[in-house]
Amino acid sequence: MAFQKGLGAIRDAAKNSITMLKIKPNESAVVRILTPAEEIISVWEYTMEINSQWHTITALLKSEDPLQGSGLKPSFKSYLEVFDYTDKKVKILKASKTMGIQLLGLIEEYGDLTKRDFKIARRGEKMNTAYQFFARAPQAFTEKVERLDIEALIEYQTLTRNSIMNLMSGMDKVTDAPSGDAANSGNQSGSSKNTDDFPF
């Protein structure tokens, strides 16, 4: 059996074992939020297409970030684990700032979001995308699940300054993903023809 050595192998395994929650235009998904509010991880990150492949890169401190001033804009994203009843898998819901504000409103209304299921409906597409949450009655969550390591995923996406500079130096074409809910929904600007590799 072939083996891999070093931390890079662990990071690759963590990345490859994680699935993002993707909802198609004008469709919905019923989920159970698994991440308590106090454990939600939020970051500023860049999403860009480099040589026809999508990359998500966690923004570094301004003084260290080689992408500052490049014209690319980082977006604020919050990571939550959800159980998708459609295929009974634990996935990552990557929430934009707009969706995060919705989640705050839901917490004010319902309290602990892990105590009930939610239907998430996606309306529209591309830059005209919006999400609605519909709360179900509280009930116990009985599914046996294996939790994901969100911190490992974000660590994987956090590159050193030199690694980012090396990545940028080898590119022919860069397309910046739009910020906000459209980026959260898996749509992008530019001329990309393959959305399957979009990282959320």
Protein backbone atom coordinates (compact mmCIF):
# COMPACT_ATOMS: atom_id res chain seq x y z
CA MET A 1 0.00 0.00 0.00
CA ALA A 2 1.34 3.44 -0.92
CA PHE A 3 1.78 5.91 1.90
CA GLN A 4 2.19 9.64 2.23
CA LYS A 5 4.52 11.36 4.61
CA GLY A 6 4.18 14.66 6.45
CA LEU A 7 1.42 17.03 7.46
CA GLY A 8 0.48 17.71 3.85
CA ALA A 9 -1.00 14.21 3.60
CA ILE A 10 -3.21 14.88 6.63
CA ARG A 11 -4.37 18.19 5.18
CA ASP A 12 -5.15 16.57 1.81
CA ALA A 13 -7.16 13.83 3.50
CA ALA A 14 -9.10 16.40 5.54
CA LYS A 15 -9.89 18.45 2.45
CA ASN A 16 -10.92 15.47 0.33
CA SER A 17 -13.25 14.06 3.00
CA ILE A 18 -15.31 17.25 3.31
CA THR A 19 -18.35 18.00 1.17
CA MET A 20 -19.89 21.45 0.88
CA LEU A 21 -23.67 21.90 1.01
CA LYS A 22 -24.73 23.01 -2.45
CA ILE A 23 -28.32 23.90 -3.25
CA LYS A 24 -29.32 24.34 -6.88
CA PRO A 25 -31.32 27.38 -8.03
CA ASN A 26 -34.97 27.25 -6.92
CA GLU A 27 -34.44 24.08 -4.92
CA SER A 28 -34.16 23.39 -1.19
CA ALA A 29 -32.56 21.10 1.36
CA VAL A 30 -33.63 20.02 4.83
CA VAL A 31 -30.73 20.03 7.27
CA ARG A 32 -29.89 19.78 10.94
CA ILE A 33 -27.30 22.37 12.02
CA LEU A 34 -24.69 20.52 14.09
CA THR A 35 -22.40 23.40 15.06
CA PRO A 36 -23.42 25.31 18.22
CA ALA A 37 -23.40 29.10 17.76
CA GLU A 38 -20.37 29.57 20.01
CA GLU A 39 -18.33 27.13 17.90
CA ILE A 40 -18.96 28.69 14.47
CA ILE A 41 -15.66 29.56 12.79
CA SER A 42 -15.52 32.68 10.62
CA VAL A 43 -12.72 33.90 8.38
CA TRP A 44 -11.95 36.38 5.64
CA GLU A 45 -11.01 34.46 2.51
CA TYR A 46 -10.33 34.82 -1.18
CA THR A 47 -12.01 32.61 -3.76
CA MET A 48 -10.41 32.76 -7.17
CA GLU A 49 -10.10 30.71 -10.30
CA ILE A 50 -6.47 30.23 -11.31
CA ASN A 51 -5.78 28.51 -14.62
CA SER A 52 -9.31 27.00 -14.69
CA GLN A 53 -9.15 25.64 -11.11
CA TRP A 54 -10.91 27.20 -8.11
CA HIS A 55 -8.89 27.98 -4.98
CA THR A 56 -10.02 29.17 -1.56
CA ILE A 57 -7.27 30.97 0.36
CA THR A 58 -7.67 32.30 3.88
CA ALA A 59 -6.68 35.97 4.04
CA LEU A 60 -3.53 36.69 6.05
CA LEU A 61 -2.95 39.75 8.21
CA LYS A 62 -2.87 42.87 6.03
CA SER A 63 0.84 43.38 6.67
CA GLU A 64 1.58 39.82 5.48
CA ASP A 65 -1.03 39.34 2.74
CA PRO A 66 0.48 39.52 -0.77
CA LEU A 67 -3.04 39.70 -2.25
CA GLN A 68 -3.71 43.08 -0.61
CA GLY A 69 -3.88 45.68 -3.37
CA SER A 70 -4.17 43.03 -6.10
CA GLY A 71 -7.76 43.96 -6.94
CA LEU A 72 -9.04 40.70 -5.48
CA LYS A 73 -11.43 41.14 -2.54
CA PRO A 74 -11.74 38.76 0.41
CA SER A 75 -15.22 37.79 1.62
CA PHE A 76 -16.38 37.10 5.18
CA LYS A 77 -17.46 33.46 5.52
CA SER A 78 -18.74 31.40 8.44
CA TYR A 79 -18.37 27.62 8.52
CA LEU A 80 -21.06 25.36 10.01
CA GLU A 81 -21.50 21.62 9.98
CA VAL A 82 -24.91 20.47 8.82
CA PHE A 83 -26.51 17.06 8.34
CA ASP A 84 -28.15 16.93 4.91
CA TYR A 85 -31.18 14.63 5.02
CA THR A 86 -31.14 14.31 1.22
CA ASP A 87 -28.18 11.93 1.20
CA LYS A 88 -27.69 11.59 4.98
CA LYS A 89 -24.22 13.15 4.97
CA VAL A 90 -22.50 15.70 7.16
CA LYS A 91 -21.50 18.70 5.05
CA ILE A 92 -20.15 22.21 5.43
CA LEU A 93 -22.52 25.13 5.06
CA LYS A 94 -20.35 28.08 4.13
CA ALA A 95 -22.41 31.12 5.05
CA SER A 96 -21.86 34.58 3.60
CA LYS A 97 -22.16 37.65 5.79
CA THR A 98 -25.80 38.05 4.64
CA MET A 99 -26.64 34.47 5.59
CA GLY A 100 -24.78 34.94 8.87
CA ILE A 101 -27.10 37.84 9.73
CA GLN A 102 -30.06 35.56 8.98
CA LEU A 103 -28.62 32.96 11.35
CA LEU A 104 -28.29 35.58 14.09
CA GLY A 105 -31.99 36.40 13.64
CA LEU A 106 -32.87 32.71 13.85
CA ILE A 107 -30.88 32.37 17.09
CA GLU A 108 -32.76 35.34 18.56
CA GLU A 109 -36.07 33.77 17.56
CA TYR A 110 -35.47 30.08 18.26
CA GLY A 111 -32.42 29.87 20.54
CA ASP A 112 -30.14 26.87 20.00
CA LEU A 113 -30.30 26.08 16.27
CA THR A 114 -29.06 22.52 16.81
CA LYS A 115 -32.37 21.53 18.44
CA ARG A 116 -34.50 21.54 15.27
CA ASP A 117 -34.33 20.96 11.52
CA PHE A 118 -34.37 23.74 8.96
CA LYS A 119 -35.44 23.82 5.36
CA ILE A 120 -33.10 26.06 3.36
CA ALA A 121 -34.58 27.30 0.08
CA ARG A 122 -32.51 28.95 -2.62
CA ARG A 123 -34.24 31.51 -4.81
CA GLY A 124 -32.70 32.89 -7.98
CA GLU A 125 -29.25 32.35 -9.40
CA LYS A 126 -25.88 34.00 -9.89
CA MET A 127 -25.83 37.54 -8.49
CA ASN A 128 -29.57 37.42 -7.78
CA THR A 129 -29.43 34.56 -5.28
CA ALA A 130 -31.15 34.64 -1.89
CA TYR A 131 -31.66 32.00 0.78
CA GLN A 132 -34.62 31.50 3.13
CA PHE A 133 -34.68 29.42 6.32
CA PHE A 134 -37.86 27.66 7.45
CA ALA A 135 -37.78 26.26 10.98
CA ARG A 136 -39.28 22.89 11.83
CA ALA A 137 -40.62 21.94 15.26
CA PRO A 138 -37.94 21.06 17.84
CA GLN A 139 -37.10 17.37 18.00
CA ALA A 140 -34.23 15.15 19.07
CA PHE A 141 -31.54 14.41 16.48
CA THR A 142 -31.16 10.63 16.33
CA GLU A 143 -28.79 10.15 13.38
CA LYS A 144 -25.35 8.70 14.14
CA VAL A 145 -22.83 11.00 12.50
CA GLU A 146 -19.10 11.54 12.34
CA ARG A 147 -18.25 15.20 12.84
CA LEU A 148 -15.96 17.06 10.46
CA ASP A 149 -12.76 18.89 11.32
CA ILE A 150 -13.47 22.43 10.14
CA GLU A 151 -10.28 23.73 11.70
CA ALA A 152 -8.24 21.28 9.60
CA LEU A 153 -10.01 22.49 6.45
CA ILE A 154 -9.28 26.13 7.24
CA GLU A 155 -5.68 25.26 8.10
CA TYR A 156 -5.43 23.58 4.70
CA GLN A 157 -6.69 26.79 3.07
CA THR A 158 -4.27 28.98 5.06
CA LEU A 159 -1.12 29.31 2.98
CA THR A 160 2.09 31.07 3.87
CA ARG A 161 2.96 34.35 2.17
CA ASN A 162 5.59 32.57 0.05
CA SER A 163 3.14 29.83 -0.98
CA ILE A 164 0.60 32.43 -2.10
CA MET A 165 3.25 34.32 -4.08
CA ASN A 166 4.37 31.09 -5.76
CA LEU A 167 0.78 30.25 -6.65
CA MET A 168 0.18 33.69 -8.10
CA SER A 169 3.42 33.68 -10.10
CA GLY A 170 2.42 30.54 -12.00
CA MET A 171 -0.98 31.72 -13.15
CA ASP A 172 -2.09 32.65 -16.63
CA LYS A 173 -5.58 33.93 -15.77
CA VAL A 174 -7.36 34.82 -12.53
CA THR A 175 -11.10 35.19 -12.09
CA ASP A 176 -12.32 36.62 -8.80
CA ALA A 177 -15.52 35.16 -7.35
CA PRO A 178 -18.19 37.76 -6.51
CA SER A 179 -18.70 38.45 -2.83
CA GLY A 180 -21.89 37.89 -0.85
CA ASP A 181 -24.52 35.24 -1.35
CA ALA A 182 -23.71 34.66 -5.00
CA ALA A 183 -20.24 33.47 -4.01
CA ASN A 184 -21.81 31.34 -1.30
CA SER A 185 -24.09 29.68 -3.82
CA GLY A 186 -21.39 28.44 -6.14
CA ASN A 187 -21.75 30.95 -8.97
CA GLN A 188 -18.93 33.06 -10.29
CA SER A 189 -18.17 35.89 -12.62
CA GLY A 190 -15.77 35.65 -15.52
CA SER A 191 -15.57 33.01 -18.22
CA SER A 192 -15.27 29.79 -16.23
CA LYS A 193 -17.05 26.89 -17.92
CA ASN A 194 -16.72 24.36 -15.11
CA THR A 195 -18.56 25.03 -11.87
CA ASP A 196 -18.05 21.50 -10.54
CA ASP A 197 -14.73 22.44 -8.99
CA PHE A 198 -16.04 25.58 -7.33
CA PRO A 199 -15.11 25.12 -3.66
CA PHE A 200 -18.59 25.68 -2.14
